[in-house]
Protein backbone atom coordinates (compact mmCIF):
# COMPACT_ATOMS: atom_id res chain seq x y z
CA MET A 1 0.05 0.26 -0.03
CA LEU A 2 1.17 3.43 -1.06
CA GLU A 3 -0.05 6.33 0.75
CA GLY A 4 1.37 10.06 1.88
CA ASP A 5 0.29 13.55 2.48
CA LEU A 6 0.04 15.75 -0.78
CA THR A 7 2.16 18.59 0.49
CA ASP A 8 4.80 15.99 0.24
CA PHE A 9 3.89 14.12 -3.24
CA THR A 10 1.38 15.97 -5.58
CA ILE A 11 -1.24 13.74 -7.22
CA PRO A 12 0.28 14.10 -10.65
CA ASP A 13 3.30 13.02 -9.27
CA VAL A 14 1.70 9.68 -7.27
CA LEU A 15 0.17 9.12 -10.90
CA ARG A 16 3.26 9.46 -12.91
CA LEU A 17 4.60 6.90 -10.52
CA LEU A 18 1.82 4.60 -10.89
CA ALA A 19 1.52 5.04 -14.75
CA PHE A 20 5.07 4.17 -14.87
CA THR A 21 4.74 1.26 -12.61
CA THR A 22 1.64 0.24 -14.69
CA LYS A 23 -0.45 -0.19 -11.43
CA SER A 24 -4.19 -1.28 -11.30
CA GLY A 25 -6.08 -0.44 -8.43
CA ARG A 26 -7.63 2.84 -6.53
CA LEU A 27 -6.29 6.18 -5.18
CA SER A 28 -7.88 7.45 -2.88
CA VAL A 29 -7.78 11.33 -1.70
CA GLU A 30 -9.14 13.19 1.27
CA PHE A 31 -9.38 16.79 1.43
CA GLY A 32 -11.30 17.85 4.94
CA ALA A 33 -14.54 16.27 4.52
CA ARG A 34 -14.30 15.50 0.87
CA HIS A 35 -13.34 12.02 -0.46
CA GLY A 36 -12.09 11.64 -4.30
CA ARG A 37 -10.72 8.64 -5.88
CA VAL A 38 -9.09 7.76 -9.35
CA ASP A 39 -9.02 3.67 -10.44
CA LEU A 40 -6.37 2.87 -12.67
CA VAL A 41 -5.93 -0.18 -15.15
CA ASP A 42 -2.26 -0.83 -15.89
CA GLY A 43 -1.27 2.12 -15.52
CA ARG A 44 -4.12 4.42 -17.10
CA VAL A 45 -7.05 6.01 -15.84
CA ARG A 46 -10.55 4.71 -16.45
CA ASP A 47 -12.70 6.11 -13.15
CA ALA A 48 -12.40 8.98 -11.14
CA SER A 49 -14.59 11.07 -9.00
CA ALA A 50 -13.70 14.51 -6.91
CA GLU A 51 -17.06 13.50 -5.04
CA ALA A 52 -16.95 9.96 -4.30
CA ASP A 53 -20.38 10.25 -2.33
CA ARG A 54 -22.01 11.26 -5.44
CA LEU A 55 -23.38 10.07 -8.50
CA GLN A 56 -21.79 12.59 -10.94
CA LEU A 57 -22.15 10.84 -14.11
CA ALA A 58 -25.70 10.44 -13.24
CA ARG A 59 -26.13 14.00 -13.29
CA ARG A 60 -23.98 14.38 -16.25
CA VAL A 61 -26.21 11.54 -18.11
CA LEU A 62 -29.25 13.67 -16.80
CA GLY A 63 -27.58 17.09 -18.06
CA SER A 64 -26.77 15.66 -21.55
CA GLY A 65 -30.80 14.25 -22.45
CA ALA A 66 -29.16 11.12 -23.13
CA VAL A 67 -31.40 9.26 -20.29
CA ALA A 68 -34.53 9.87 -19.04
CA GLY A 69 -34.65 9.88 -15.05
CA ASP A 70 -37.51 7.06 -14.93
CA THR A 71 -34.68 5.11 -16.71
CA LEU A 72 -32.01 6.24 -14.63
CA LEU A 73 -33.51 5.40 -11.44
CA GLY A 74 -34.54 2.13 -12.49
CA VAL A 75 -31.16 1.20 -13.29
CA LEU A 76 -29.94 2.53 -9.83
CA ASP A 77 -32.57 0.18 -8.31
CA GLY A 78 -30.07 -2.68 -9.33
CA PHE A 79 -27.38 -1.56 -6.95
CA ASP A 80 -27.43 -2.32 -3.16
CA ASP A 81 -24.76 0.27 -2.58
CA LEU A 82 -23.51 3.66 -4.49
CA PRO A 83 -21.82 2.45 -7.85
CA THR A 84 -18.88 3.70 -9.11
CA ASP A 85 -19.23 6.29 -12.61
CA LEU A 86 -17.86 3.34 -14.69
CA GLU A 87 -19.95 0.37 -12.88
CA LEU A 88 -23.36 2.78 -13.53
CA ALA A 89 -22.05 3.61 -17.27
CA ARG A 90 -21.78 -0.26 -17.39
CA ALA A 91 -25.23 -1.06 -16.45
CA LEU A 92 -26.86 1.77 -18.40
CA VAL A 93 -25.40 0.37 -21.52
CA THR A 94 -26.01 -3.46 -20.26
CA GLU A 95 -29.95 -2.44 -19.81
CA GLY A 96 -29.88 -0.69 -23.28
CA ALA A 97 -30.40 2.69 -21.91
CA VAL A 98 -27.69 4.29 -24.26
CA GLU A 99 -25.48 3.27 -26.62
CA ALA A 100 -21.86 2.42 -25.50
CA GLY A 101 -20.10 5.29 -27.72
CA THR A 102 -21.93 8.02 -26.32
CA LEU A 103 -21.83 6.70 -22.64
CA ALA A 104 -17.94 6.22 -23.26
CA GLU A 105 -17.84 9.79 -24.50
CA LEU A 106 -19.87 11.09 -21.33
CA VAL A 107 -17.50 9.05 -19.10
CA ARG A 108 -14.34 10.19 -20.43
CA GLU A 109 -15.59 13.86 -19.70
CA GLN A 110 -16.56 13.30 -16.26
CA THR A 111 -13.30 11.68 -15.72
CA VAL A 112 -11.03 14.82 -17.11
CA ASP A 113 -13.44 16.72 -14.71
CA ALA A 114 -12.95 14.71 -11.66
CA VAL A 115 -8.65 14.94 -11.80
CA PHE A 116 -9.37 18.42 -12.66
CA ASP A 117 -11.25 19.05 -9.43
CA LEU A 118 -8.37 16.83 -7.28
CA LEU A 119 -5.95 19.03 -8.77
CA ARG A 120 -6.98 22.04 -7.19
CA TRP A 121 -7.04 20.60 -3.82
CA PRO A 122 -4.68 22.42 -1.85
CA ASP A 123 -3.67 19.80 0.46
CA GLY A 124 -4.66 16.36 1.75
CA ARG A 125 -3.87 12.94 2.04
CA PHE A 126 -3.76 9.97 -0.49
CA GLN A 127 -3.74 6.10 -0.21
CA PHE A 128 -3.31 3.71 -3.43
CA THR A 129 -4.69 0.00 -2.56
CA ILE A 130 -5.06 -2.97 -4.86
CA VAL A 131 -8.21 -3.75 -6.42
CA ASP A 132 -9.34 -7.45 -7.66
CA ASP A 133 -10.74 -6.22 -10.95
CA ALA A 134 -13.02 -9.00 -11.62
CA SER A 135 -15.12 -7.34 -8.81
CA ARG A 136 -15.58 -4.78 -11.13
CA GLY A 137 -18.50 -6.38 -13.40
CA PRO A 138 -18.59 -7.45 -17.24
CA THR A 139 -16.54 -5.08 -19.57
CA VAL A 140 -19.25 -3.71 -21.86
CA LEU A 141 -17.74 -0.52 -21.50
CA ASP A 142 -14.34 0.37 -20.69
CA LEU A 143 -11.95 3.15 -20.69
CA ALA A 144 -8.52 4.16 -20.42
CA VAL A 145 -6.94 7.34 -20.56
CA PRO A 146 -3.23 7.75 -20.52
CA VAL A 147 -2.20 9.57 -17.68
CA ASP A 148 0.29 11.72 -19.50
CA GLU A 149 -2.69 12.57 -22.09
CA LEU A 150 -4.77 13.72 -18.40
CA LEU A 151 -2.32 15.69 -16.88
CA GLU A 152 -1.68 17.46 -20.15
CA GLU A 153 -5.35 18.43 -20.70
CA THR A 154 -5.83 19.21 -16.95
CA SER A 155 -2.87 21.43 -16.87
CA ARG A 156 -4.17 23.72 -19.92
CA ARG A 157 -7.20 24.21 -17.78
CA LEU A 158 -5.49 24.87 -14.80
CA GLU A 159 -3.36 27.91 -16.71
CA ALA A 160 -6.37 29.70 -17.81
CA TRP A 161 -8.38 28.75 -14.49
CA SER A 162 -7.55 32.18 -12.87
CA ALA A 163 -9.12 34.57 -15.24
CA LEU A 164 -11.83 32.10 -15.98
CA ASP A 165 -12.54 32.17 -12.48
CA ALA A 166 -12.61 36.01 -12.02
CA ARG A 167 -14.98 36.42 -15.28
CA THR A 168 -17.70 34.29 -13.83
CA GLY A 169 -17.99 34.69 -10.12
CA SER A 170 -18.04 32.58 -7.23
CA LEU A 171 -20.10 29.39 -7.14
CA SER A 172 -22.71 30.87 -4.47
CA ASP A 173 -23.27 33.87 -7.26
CA VAL A 174 -26.85 34.36 -8.41
CA VAL A 175 -27.06 34.12 -12.51
CA SER A 176 -29.94 36.52 -14.28
CA VAL A 177 -30.59 36.97 -17.92
CA ARG A 178 -30.02 40.63 -19.21
CA GLN A 179 -31.64 41.90 -21.71
CA PRO A 180 -28.68 43.01 -24.37
CA ASP A 181 -28.14 45.97 -25.66
CA SER A 182 -30.49 47.26 -28.59
CA ALA A 183 -27.52 47.53 -31.07
CA ASP A 184 -26.29 44.16 -30.20
CA ALA A 185 -29.30 42.27 -29.85
CA GLY A 186 -29.82 41.08 -33.35
CA ARG A 187 -26.38 39.61 -33.69
CA VAL A 188 -25.88 37.55 -30.87
CA GLU A 189 -24.39 34.48 -31.71
CA LEU A 190 -24.32 31.53 -29.33
CA PRO A 191 -22.67 27.99 -29.14
CA ALA A 192 -24.87 24.81 -28.62
CA GLU A 193 -23.57 24.86 -24.75
CA GLY A 194 -24.06 28.25 -24.44
CA PHE A 195 -27.92 27.94 -25.72
CA ALA A 196 -27.83 24.52 -23.08
CA LEU A 197 -26.87 26.72 -19.89
CA LEU A 198 -29.31 29.56 -20.87
CA THR A 199 -32.14 27.29 -20.47
CA LEU A 200 -31.19 26.88 -16.84
CA ILE A 201 -30.87 30.33 -16.02
CA ASP A 202 -34.02 32.23 -13.82
CA GLY A 203 -32.09 34.84 -11.92
CA ARG A 204 -32.69 32.27 -8.73
CA ARG A 205 -29.97 29.65 -9.64
CA THR A 206 -26.73 30.11 -8.34
CA LEU A 207 -23.33 28.96 -10.53
CA GLY A 208 -22.99 26.25 -7.95
CA ASP A 209 -26.82 25.08 -8.96
CA LEU A 210 -26.10 25.49 -12.84
CA VAL A 211 -23.08 23.10 -12.30
CA ALA A 212 -25.39 20.70 -10.82
CA LEU A 213 -28.01 20.86 -13.00
CA SER A 214 -25.89 20.85 -16.60
CA GLY A 215 -23.85 18.13 -15.26
CA ARG A 216 -21.11 18.91 -17.14
CA GLY A 217 -18.54 19.87 -14.65
CA GLU A 218 -17.33 22.96 -13.15
CA HIS A 219 -14.93 23.97 -15.92
CA ARG A 220 -17.17 23.23 -18.90
CA THR A 221 -20.17 25.32 -16.95
CA ARG A 222 -18.29 28.42 -16.51
CA ARG A 223 -16.53 28.40 -19.92
CA SER A 224 -20.37 28.22 -21.30
CA LEU A 225 -21.40 30.98 -18.89
CA ASP A 226 -17.96 32.76 -19.84
CA VAL A 227 -19.28 33.17 -23.23
CA LEU A 228 -22.98 34.24 -22.37
CA VAL A 229 -20.97 36.96 -19.62
CA GLU A 230 -19.37 38.08 -23.16
CA ALA A 231 -22.25 38.38 -25.30
CA GLY A 232 -24.10 40.14 -22.69
CA VAL A 233 -27.11 37.79 -22.39
CA VAL A 234 -26.28 37.23 -18.49
CA GLU A 235 -24.62 38.45 -15.43
CA VAL A 236 -22.99 37.14 -12.84
CA GLY A 237 -23.23 38.27 -9.13
CA ALA A 238 -25.37 38.06 -5.62
CA SER A 239 -27.70 41.23 -6.00
CA ASP A 240 -30.53 42.78 -3.76
CA ALA A 241 -32.58 43.88 -6.38
CA PRO A 242 -35.14 41.22 -7.84
CA SER A 243 -34.05 39.82 -11.68
CA ARG A 244 -36.18 41.27 -14.65
CA LEU A 245 -38.34 37.96 -14.55
CA GLU A 246 -39.07 38.30 -10.94
CA GLN A 247 -40.07 41.89 -11.39
CA LEU A 248 -41.72 41.27 -14.38
CA LEU A 249 -43.72 38.36 -12.53
CA HIS A 250 -44.27 40.83 -9.51
CA ASP A 251 -45.96 43.50 -11.62
CA HIS A 252 -48.27 40.99 -13.61
CA ASP A 253 -49.59 39.82 -10.09
CA ALA A 254 -50.26 43.27 -9.17
CA LEU A 255 -52.02 44.55 -12.37
CA SER A 256 -53.98 41.09 -12.04
CA GLU A 257 -55.08 41.90 -8.47
CA ARG A 258 -56.02 45.46 -9.72
CA GLU A 259 -57.88 44.24 -12.37
CA HIS A 260 -60.09 42.26 -10.10
CA GLN A 261 -60.67 45.39 -7.56
CA LEU A 262 -61.49 47.93 -10.37
CA ALA A 263 -63.97 45.11 -11.86
CA ALA A 264 -65.96 44.36 -8.59
CA THR A 265 -66.12 48.17 -7.49
CA GLY A 266 -67.22 49.08 -11.12
CA GLN A 267 -70.21 46.10 -10.24
CA ARG A 268 -70.81 47.61 -6.80
CA ASP A 269 -71.07 51.45 -8.28
CA GLU A 270 -73.47 50.36 -11.09
CA ALA A 271 -76.30 48.49 -9.40
CA PRO A 272 -77.41 51.48 -6.93
CA ALA A 273 -77.56 53.58 -9.46
CA ALA A 274 -79.29 51.83 -11.82
CA GLU A 275 -82.07 50.88 -9.12
CA ALA A 276 -82.30 54.85 -7.94
CA GLN A 277 -82.97 55.61 -11.56
CA VAL A 278 -85.63 53.42 -11.74
CA ALA A 279 -86.90 54.52 -7.94
CA ASP A 280 -86.69 58.42 -8.86
CA ALA A 281 -87.91 57.76 -12.96
CA PRO A 282 -91.57 59.32 -12.44
CA ALA A 283 -94.32 57.06 -13.58
CA ALA A 284 -95.77 57.54 -17.15
CA PRO A 285 -99.52 58.28 -17.94
CA ARG A 286 -101.12 55.18 -19.37
CA PRO A 287 -101.78 56.56 -23.05
CA GLY A 288 -105.15 56.65 -24.57
CA ARG A 289 -106.43 55.49 -27.60
CA LYS A 290 -105.73 58.75 -29.30
CA ALA A 291 -102.44 58.89 -27.63
CA MET A 292 -101.48 55.59 -29.13
CA ALA A 293 -102.67 55.87 -32.49
CA ARG A 294 -100.61 59.26 -32.49
CA ALA A 295 -97.61 57.52 -30.96
CA VAL A 296 -97.90 55.17 -34.34
CA VAL A 297 -98.58 57.72 -37.01
CA GLY A 298 -96.08 60.18 -35.62
CA PRO A 299 -96.75 63.91 -34.55
CA ASP A 300 -96.48 65.55 -37.85
CA GLU A 301 -98.70 63.27 -39.89
CA ASP A 302 -102.17 63.39 -40.88
CA LEU A 303 -104.45 60.90 -40.17
CA VAL A 304 -106.13 60.92 -44.10
CA GLU A 305 -102.16 60.16 -45.00
CA VAL A 306 -102.29 56.99 -42.61
CA ALA A 307 -105.56 56.06 -44.27
CA THR A 308 -104.57 56.46 -47.84
CA ARG A 309 -101.00 54.62 -46.67
CA ALA A 310 -103.15 51.40 -45.15
CA THR A 311 -105.25 51.11 -48.23
CA ASN A 312 -102.26 51.46 -50.30
CA ALA A 313 -100.79 48.54 -48.06
CA ARG A 314 -103.85 46.47 -48.62
CA SER A 315 -103.51 46.75 -52.28
CA LEU A 316 -99.94 45.87 -52.00
CA ARG A 317 -100.66 42.68 -49.54
CA THR A 318 -103.56 41.57 -52.01
CA LYS A 319 -100.72 42.33 -55.24
CA VAL A 320 -98.03 40.31 -53.44
CA ARG A 321 -100.45 37.40 -52.12
CA THR A 322 -101.85 36.91 -55.77
CA GLU A 323 -98.50 36.76 -57.51
CA ARG A 324 -97.24 34.61 -55.00
CA LEU A 325 -99.71 32.16 -55.39
CA ARG A 326 -99.90 32.44 -58.99
CA THR A 327 -95.99 31.52 -58.87
CA ASP A 328 -95.95 28.98 -56.05
CA PRO A 329 -99.29 27.02 -55.44
CA SER A 330 -97.76 25.40 -52.26
CA VAL A 331 -97.34 28.84 -50.08
CA ASP A 332 -99.15 29.26 -46.92
CA GLU A 333 -101.38 32.48 -47.61
CA ASP A 334 -101.91 33.46 -44.12
CA LEU A 335 -98.02 33.14 -43.56
CA VAL A 336 -97.64 35.39 -46.71
CA SER A 337 -100.04 37.86 -45.13
CA ARG A 338 -98.59 37.62 -41.67
CA LEU A 339 -95.38 38.80 -42.97
CA ILE A 340 -96.23 41.57 -44.71
CA GLU A 341 -98.18 43.02 -42.07
CA GLY A 342 -94.97 42.39 -40.20
CA VAL A 343 -92.91 44.25 -42.73
CA GLN A 344 -95.60 47.59 -42.78
CA ALA A 345 -95.22 47.51 -38.52
CA LEU A 346 -91.69 48.39 -38.74
């Protein structure tokens, strides 16, 4: 068994030693309450985690949309204890939940991210033990990343990390969508990863929340966030002021409440006014026969003229009835009469 302090031997030093001697086993790393591990086979890294008590690959699979949540949980029901990322990947492939090629790429991304996170631990202890490979299940999917290749990738990340970390803020900072300037609104171009991250931003979630939900690791999440910040479509930083979305939702709720209040007030005011108008109106005298006749005839019309019109109307009715009956004997004569009388009454 090999063990020591990370202040004396760095993780890259230990990994290079294990690669040179083509060892197979597990390198366990502790930093305070955090536990990480790196599994090697013949001196190559095939699985790693900076949070050994969490299923980081499961979050990456969910975030990528490669496997549905119900399917993932169903596969996890087949384990009695917490599986490693590689064990979970093998089970997903065996169950036909996802293709081996797709999952192999996700496992590799997760492994590189995990080692990168471990390299940023300032101190801690390590221990390497031999692990019986036969107990790790059928090799329907395997991964073996050369240590030199892995350390080269993580070194490039570390060189740019300080600047990236400064531009994208703290993991506890809230990320909000902002309205881009009108001059730039029509020219914003974002990569696919930027759009994917943008869908998770609501002005309430922190950068740490976005890392967990996307499942793509802190480095890649910060890179995508950096693109969004540079494009001017998001802003990072805790603020007491509500986000634009929160303010808009609040204003809409207030508007709806005011609508209901005004509508209710209007209904209460209209009902008493209508009742008062009816109560205050003077009782109209019942018109006599002459008054009713005058109302029908009109104030400026002569009764002789009305009688003449009535005679003409009867002639018209007789003529229409005669023509109608001549052309269409099946028509109802009484119906025609009532129709003509209705028109005359208008």
